[in-house]
Amino acid sequence: MKKSIWSVILAIAVYTAIVFLSDAKEVGYALSGISLYWIPLFLSLSLLNYLLRFFKWQYFLVRIGVHIPWKESLSVFVAGFSMTVSPGKLGELLKCFLLKDSRNIPVSRTSPVVVAERITDLISMIFIAIIGLVLVRHRGAMIAIGAGIVFVLSIMVFLLWEKAFGFLANHLCRIKKVAKHRGSFEKFHRNCSSLLDLKSLLVTVPLGILSWGAEALVLCLVSISLGIEPGLSVGLALLAHSAGTIAGAVSMIPGGLGLTEITIGAILISAMPEADAAVTTIIMRFATLWFAVLLGIIVLGVFKKKQISRNIDNEFA
């Protein structure tokens, strides 16, 4: 909870800085011109992203032999959004603990799914960014893309190359408290190898390209709602969103706060005034990141309430 509060404080500081650095008066004027009727359209693209990512979550669960009713699985998946504002989104390991509480499925069995989600998301983002580069040729984004490629390759080497993973595990197991979990490390490695094989990547990476590509189009809708003619190009939207997300993920800053916004805004400035770029970036982040967090908190609350009620019923059964 304390970490979440600090993330909100950081977000407020970031967005306040963006507003004042971009001319607060111009930003306010741009915001006042947006009709509330646009909000459902912004959120619909985010919901499409979540739906496609849920399909990927389900696919990964089936790959490791975990079969649960889709409604429960969807609740667990969305509840994980409550921890989106965490370094590398690894707070979404909450999903694994929810499955442990509700289905007694070991965390060591499901945690590779969360890791595979994050890695395939990044791979998808890199492909989207490359598509954006081909369409608009923006040199500034190449640093983020390059960093993303190095980051993904480094993690893939440790997860898939048995000698590299064994080297890391052996060093960690020198710590007595860690050594007793060696079996869990080995199981984690096997599941990661299974979830990140070629067959899996051919399914999950295209899903990721579709899901995150849809979310990137929020930038196009926001630019149109601001009255920018002819609106932001699809290529620039794909590049800005993906490069910003990659930069935030590689930095391991909770939710990518600050670096993601700066990267997106810097790319958008090439196509619109600075104030409009700031407003577009902020609205996009509220319609994607913060909408997901809010949705996750609500679903988590409902899920935990049902779980408590179920436990009480079992006690009196």
Protein backbone atom coordinates (compact mmCIF):
# COMPACT_ATOMS: atom_id res chain seq x y z
CA MET A 1 0.00 0.00 0.00
CA LYS A 2 2.80 2.43 0.92
CA LYS A 3 4.53 1.74 -2.41
CA SER A 4 1.26 2.46 -4.26
CA ILE A 5 0.89 5.77 -2.43
CA TRP A 6 4.43 6.75 -3.35
CA SER A 7 3.72 5.82 -6.99
CA VAL A 8 0.67 8.12 -7.00
CA ILE A 9 2.72 10.93 -5.47
CA LEU A 10 5.41 10.39 -8.11
CA ALA A 11 2.76 10.44 -10.85
CA ILE A 12 1.30 13.71 -9.58
CA ALA A 13 4.78 15.24 -9.52
CA VAL A 14 5.54 14.01 -13.04
CA TYR A 15 2.28 15.27 -14.55
CA THR A 16 2.52 18.60 -12.74
CA ALA A 17 6.04 19.08 -14.10
CA ILE A 18 4.89 18.20 -17.63
CA VAL A 19 2.03 20.72 -17.43
CA PHE A 20 4.18 23.63 -16.21
CA LEU A 21 7.10 22.89 -18.50
CA SER A 22 4.69 22.88 -21.46
CA ASP A 23 2.93 26.17 -20.50
CA ALA A 24 0.11 25.51 -18.02
CA LYS A 25 -2.22 28.03 -19.69
CA GLU A 26 -1.93 26.35 -23.11
CA VAL A 27 -2.33 22.89 -21.56
CA GLY A 28 -5.49 24.02 -19.75
CA TYR A 29 -6.88 25.48 -22.96
CA ALA A 30 -6.23 22.23 -24.83
CA LEU A 31 -7.85 20.15 -22.08
CA SER A 32 -10.97 22.34 -22.01
CA GLY A 33 -11.63 21.56 -25.67
CA ILE A 34 -12.02 17.81 -25.18
CA SER A 35 -15.57 16.46 -24.97
CA LEU A 36 -16.39 13.80 -22.38
CA TYR A 37 -17.94 11.76 -25.20
CA TRP A 38 -14.43 10.80 -26.29
CA ILE A 39 -13.61 9.02 -23.03
CA PRO A 40 -15.51 5.77 -23.82
CA LEU A 41 -13.63 5.59 -27.13
CA PHE A 42 -10.26 5.98 -25.40
CA LEU A 43 -11.13 3.32 -22.84
CA SER A 44 -12.53 0.90 -25.44
CA LEU A 45 -9.09 0.53 -27.03
CA SER A 46 -7.57 -0.12 -23.61
CA LEU A 47 -10.22 -2.78 -22.95
CA LEU A 48 -9.40 -4.43 -26.28
CA ASN A 49 -5.76 -4.52 -25.20
CA TYR A 50 -6.70 -6.19 -21.89
CA LEU A 51 -8.90 -8.75 -23.64
CA LEU A 52 -6.17 -9.83 -26.07
CA ARG A 53 -3.64 -9.98 -23.24
CA PHE A 54 -6.06 -12.16 -21.27
CA PHE A 55 -6.05 -14.63 -24.16
CA LYS A 56 -2.27 -14.74 -23.85
CA TRP A 57 -2.52 -15.29 -20.08
CA GLN A 58 -4.91 -18.18 -20.67
CA TYR A 59 -2.64 -19.67 -23.31
CA PHE A 60 0.32 -19.59 -20.93
CA LEU A 61 -1.70 -21.20 -18.12
CA VAL A 62 -2.75 -24.05 -20.41
CA ARG A 63 0.88 -24.53 -21.49
CA ILE A 64 1.89 -25.24 -17.87
CA GLY A 65 -1.16 -27.45 -17.26
CA VAL A 66 -3.22 -25.03 -15.16
CA HIS A 67 -6.93 -25.18 -16.01
CA ILE A 68 -9.37 -22.92 -14.14
CA PRO A 69 -12.80 -21.50 -15.11
CA TRP A 70 -12.36 -18.56 -17.45
CA LYS A 71 -14.38 -16.17 -15.25
CA GLU A 72 -12.12 -16.84 -12.28
CA SER A 73 -9.06 -16.61 -14.49
CA LEU A 74 -10.25 -13.26 -15.86
CA SER A 75 -10.80 -11.95 -12.33
CA VAL A 76 -7.28 -12.98 -11.30
CA PHE A 77 -5.81 -11.49 -14.48
CA VAL A 78 -7.52 -8.11 -14.08
CA ALA A 79 -6.81 -8.02 -10.32
CA GLY A 80 -3.13 -8.14 -11.24
CA PHE A 81 -3.50 -4.69 -12.84
CA SER A 82 -3.69 -3.24 -9.33
CA MET A 83 0.08 -3.82 -9.18
CA THR A 84 0.88 -2.45 -12.63
CA VAL A 85 2.69 0.51 -11.07
CA SER A 86 5.61 -1.62 -9.90
CA PRO A 87 9.16 -2.09 -11.25
CA GLY A 88 8.84 -3.97 -14.55
CA LYS A 89 5.21 -4.72 -13.59
CA LEU A 90 6.58 -7.62 -11.54
CA GLY A 91 4.07 -6.69 -8.85
CA GLU A 92 1.65 -8.58 -11.06
CA LEU A 93 3.06 -11.69 -9.39
CA LEU A 94 0.07 -10.97 -7.17
CA LYS A 95 -1.86 -13.12 -9.68
CA CYS A 96 0.23 -16.11 -8.67
CA PHE A 97 -0.52 -15.59 -4.97
CA LEU A 98 -4.23 -15.24 -5.72
CA LEU A 99 -4.15 -18.59 -7.53
CA LYS A 100 -2.23 -20.06 -4.58
CA ASP A 101 -4.93 -18.87 -2.15
CA SER A 102 -7.91 -19.87 -4.28
CA ARG A 103 -6.65 -23.05 -6.00
CA ASN A 104 -3.58 -24.01 -3.96
CA ILE A 105 -1.42 -23.81 -7.11
CA PRO A 106 2.25 -23.28 -6.13
CA VAL A 107 3.61 -19.82 -6.90
CA SER A 108 6.74 -21.46 -8.33
CA ARG A 109 4.53 -23.06 -10.98
CA THR A 110 2.70 -19.93 -12.14
CA SER A 111 5.35 -17.22 -11.63
CA PRO A 112 7.03 -18.09 -14.99
CA VAL A 113 3.76 -17.07 -16.65
CA VAL A 114 4.08 -13.50 -15.35
CA VAL A 115 7.73 -13.38 -16.44
CA ALA A 116 6.81 -14.75 -19.89
CA GLU A 117 4.02 -12.15 -20.18
CA ARG A 118 6.45 -9.32 -19.54
CA ILE A 119 9.11 -10.64 -21.92
CA THR A 120 6.68 -11.30 -24.78
CA ASP A 121 5.11 -7.86 -24.18
CA LEU A 122 8.53 -6.29 -24.64
CA ILE A 123 9.28 -8.35 -27.75
CA SER A 124 5.93 -7.26 -29.20
CA MET A 125 6.70 -3.63 -28.34
CA ILE A 126 10.04 -3.85 -30.12
CA PHE A 127 8.32 -5.14 -33.27
CA ILE A 128 5.71 -2.36 -33.03
CA ALA A 129 8.47 0.23 -32.61
CA ILE A 130 10.29 -1.10 -35.66
CA ILE A 131 7.06 -0.87 -37.68
CA GLY A 132 6.68 2.71 -36.45
CA LEU A 133 10.27 3.51 -37.42
CA VAL A 134 9.71 2.19 -40.93
CA LEU A 135 6.60 4.35 -41.27
CA VAL A 136 7.90 7.64 -39.83
CA ARG A 137 11.73 7.35 -39.49
CA HIS A 138 12.21 9.08 -36.11
CA ARG A 139 15.85 8.74 -34.98
CA GLY A 140 15.18 9.75 -31.37
CA ALA A 141 13.33 6.51 -30.65
CA MET A 142 16.24 4.30 -31.68
CA ILE A 143 17.94 4.62 -28.27
CA ALA A 144 14.88 3.19 -26.48
CA ILE A 145 14.49 0.42 -29.06
CA GLY A 146 18.17 -0.51 -28.84
CA ALA A 147 18.01 -0.60 -25.04
CA GLY A 148 14.91 -2.78 -25.24
CA ILE A 149 16.59 -5.28 -27.58
CA VAL A 150 19.66 -5.57 -25.30
CA PHE A 151 17.42 -5.91 -22.22
CA VAL A 152 15.28 -8.69 -23.74
CA LEU A 153 18.25 -10.61 -25.13
CA SER A 154 20.01 -10.47 -21.75
CA ILE A 155 16.99 -11.87 -19.91
CA MET A 156 16.37 -14.53 -22.58
CA VAL A 157 19.98 -15.72 -22.27
CA PHE A 158 19.65 -16.22 -18.51
CA LEU A 159 16.23 -17.87 -18.76
CA LEU A 160 16.83 -20.15 -21.74
CA TRP A 161 20.54 -20.94 -21.67
CA GLU A 162 20.90 -23.69 -19.09
CA LYS A 163 24.54 -22.92 -18.25
CA ALA A 164 23.84 -19.22 -17.66
CA PHE A 165 20.81 -19.95 -15.48
CA GLY A 166 22.74 -22.67 -13.62
CA PHE A 167 25.59 -20.24 -12.95
CA LEU A 168 23.17 -17.69 -11.48
CA ALA A 169 21.29 -20.33 -9.46
CA ASN A 170 24.51 -21.79 -8.02
CA HIS A 171 25.63 -18.39 -6.79
CA LEU A 172 22.23 -17.62 -5.26
CA CYS A 173 22.11 -21.02 -3.57
CA ARG A 174 25.26 -20.18 -1.64
CA ILE A 175 22.86 -18.29 0.61
CA LYS A 176 21.44 -20.81 3.08
CA LYS A 177 17.88 -19.46 3.02
CA VAL A 178 17.88 -19.57 -0.79
CA ALA A 179 19.55 -23.00 -1.13
CA LYS A 180 16.48 -24.86 0.12
CA HIS A 181 14.54 -23.51 -2.86
CA ARG A 182 16.89 -24.96 -5.50
CA GLY A 183 14.14 -27.32 -6.70
CA SER A 184 11.83 -24.35 -7.26
CA PHE A 185 14.54 -22.61 -9.29
CA GLU A 186 14.88 -25.63 -11.54
CA LYS A 187 11.11 -25.87 -12.00
CA PHE A 188 10.97 -22.15 -12.75
CA HIS A 189 13.64 -22.61 -15.43
CA ARG A 190 11.82 -25.54 -17.05
CA ASN A 191 8.53 -23.63 -17.19
CA CYS A 192 10.21 -20.53 -18.61
CA SER A 193 11.88 -22.64 -21.30
CA SER A 194 8.49 -24.12 -22.19
CA LEU A 195 6.65 -20.78 -22.24
CA LEU A 196 9.31 -19.02 -24.31
CA ASP A 197 9.93 -21.68 -26.97
CA LEU A 198 9.35 -20.93 -30.65
CA LYS A 199 5.82 -22.37 -30.68
CA SER A 200 4.81 -20.14 -27.81
CA LEU A 201 6.43 -17.02 -29.25
CA LEU A 202 4.63 -17.53 -32.58
CA VAL A 203 1.32 -17.33 -30.70
CA THR A 204 1.98 -14.78 -27.98
CA VAL A 205 4.09 -12.18 -29.77
CA PRO A 206 1.50 -11.57 -32.55
CA LEU A 207 -1.17 -11.32 -29.83
CA GLY A 208 1.00 -8.75 -28.12
CA ILE A 209 1.47 -6.77 -31.32
CA LEU A 210 -2.31 -6.63 -31.80
CA SER A 211 -3.08 -5.77 -28.18
CA TRP A 212 -0.46 -3.08 -27.64
CA GLY A 213 -0.95 -1.78 -31.18
CA ALA A 214 -4.63 -1.22 -30.40
CA GLU A 215 -3.74 0.66 -27.22
CA ALA A 216 -1.30 2.87 -29.13
CA LEU A 217 -4.20 4.11 -31.25
CA VAL A 218 -5.48 5.95 -28.16
CA LEU A 219 -2.90 8.58 -29.10
CA CYS A 220 -4.57 9.00 -32.51
CA LEU A 221 -8.01 9.42 -30.94
CA VAL A 222 -6.74 11.94 -28.40
CA SER A 223 -5.08 14.01 -31.13
CA ILE A 224 -8.35 14.05 -33.10
CA SER A 225 -10.31 15.03 -29.96
CA LEU A 226 -7.94 17.99 -29.55
CA GLY A 227 -8.81 19.15 -33.05
CA ILE A 228 -5.34 18.51 -34.46
CA GLU A 229 -5.66 18.17 -38.24
CA PRO A 230 -5.34 15.66 -39.81
CA GLY A 231 -4.67 13.91 -36.53
CA LEU A 232 -1.65 11.93 -35.39
CA SER A 233 -0.44 9.38 -37.93
CA VAL A 234 -0.75 5.71 -37.02
CA GLY A 235 2.99 5.23 -37.53
CA LEU A 236 3.94 7.98 -35.08
CA ALA A 237 1.38 6.73 -32.55
CA LEU A 238 2.80 3.20 -32.72
CA LEU A 239 6.35 4.50 -32.37
CA ALA A 240 5.66 6.92 -29.52
CA HIS A 241 3.65 4.44 -27.46
CA SER A 242 6.04 1.51 -27.94
CA ALA A 243 9.26 3.49 -27.48
CA GLY A 244 7.88 5.13 -24.34
CA THR A 245 6.76 1.80 -22.90
CA ILE A 246 10.09 0.14 -23.71
CA ALA A 247 12.01 3.00 -22.06
CA GLY A 248 9.86 2.74 -18.94
CA ALA A 249 10.16 -1.04 -18.75
CA VAL A 250 13.95 -1.10 -19.19
CA SER A 251 14.38 1.59 -16.53
CA MET A 252 12.48 -0.59 -14.01
CA ILE A 253 10.87 2.59 -12.65
CA PRO A 254 7.40 1.75 -11.20
CA GLY A 255 4.98 2.02 -14.11
CA GLY A 256 7.75 3.67 -16.12
CA LEU A 257 6.59 6.94 -14.53
CA GLY A 258 8.41 9.94 -15.89
CA LEU A 259 10.60 8.28 -18.51
CA THR A 260 7.63 6.84 -20.44
CA GLU A 261 5.86 10.22 -20.50
CA ILE A 262 9.03 12.09 -21.48
CA THR A 263 9.75 9.65 -24.33
CA ILE A 264 6.19 9.74 -25.69
CA GLY A 265 6.02 13.53 -25.43
CA ALA A 266 9.40 14.04 -27.10
CA ILE A 267 8.30 11.97 -30.11
CA LEU A 268 4.88 13.65 -30.34
CA ILE A 269 6.41 17.14 -30.40
CA SER A 270 7.58 16.41 -33.95
CA ALA A 271 3.93 16.39 -35.06
CA MET A 272 2.12 18.86 -32.75
CA PRO A 273 2.62 21.87 -30.46
CA GLU A 274 4.30 21.18 -27.11
CA ALA A 275 1.14 21.81 -25.05
CA ASP A 276 -0.91 19.44 -27.23
CA ALA A 277 1.82 16.81 -26.95
CA ALA A 278 1.72 17.13 -23.15
CA VAL A 279 -2.08 16.82 -23.02
CA THR A 280 -2.08 13.87 -25.44
CA THR A 281 0.53 12.07 -23.35
CA ILE A 282 -1.23 12.65 -20.03
CA ILE A 283 -4.68 11.64 -21.29
CA MET A 284 -3.23 8.56 -22.94
CA ARG A 285 -1.58 7.50 -19.67
CA PHE A 286 -4.80 8.00 -17.70
CA ALA A 287 -6.77 6.02 -20.30
CA THR A 288 -4.28 3.15 -20.23
CA LEU A 289 -2.06 2.87 -17.14
CA TRP A 290 -4.30 4.46 -14.51
CA PHE A 291 -7.51 3.00 -15.93
CA ALA A 292 -5.90 -0.44 -15.61
CA VAL A 293 -4.81 0.24 -12.00
CA LEU A 294 -8.31 1.43 -11.04
CA LEU A 295 -9.93 -1.56 -12.72
CA GLY A 296 -7.48 -3.87 -10.98
CA ILE A 297 -8.16 -2.43 -7.53
CA ILE A 298 -11.93 -2.81 -8.00
CA VAL A 299 -11.71 -6.41 -9.25
CA LEU A 300 -9.18 -7.33 -6.54
CA GLY A 301 -11.57 -6.05 -3.89
CA VAL A 302 -14.45 -8.08 -5.32
CA PHE A 303 -12.25 -11.18 -5.68
CA LYS A 304 -11.02 -11.00 -2.09
CA LYS A 305 -14.55 -10.42 -0.81
CA LYS A 306 -15.81 -13.53 -2.63
CA GLN A 307 -12.86 -15.51 -1.33
CA ILE A 308 -13.58 -14.50 2.29
CA SER A 309 -17.25 -15.37 1.83
CA ARG A 310 -16.31 -18.76 0.35
CA ASN A 311 -13.97 -19.49 3.27
CA ILE A 312 -16.70 -18.67 5.78
CA ASP A 313 -19.16 -20.96 3.97
CA ASN A 314 -16.61 -23.80 4.04
CA GLU A 315 -16.09 -23.39 7.78
CA PHE A 316 -19.79 -23.74 8.50
CA ALA A 317 -20.43 -26.44 5.91
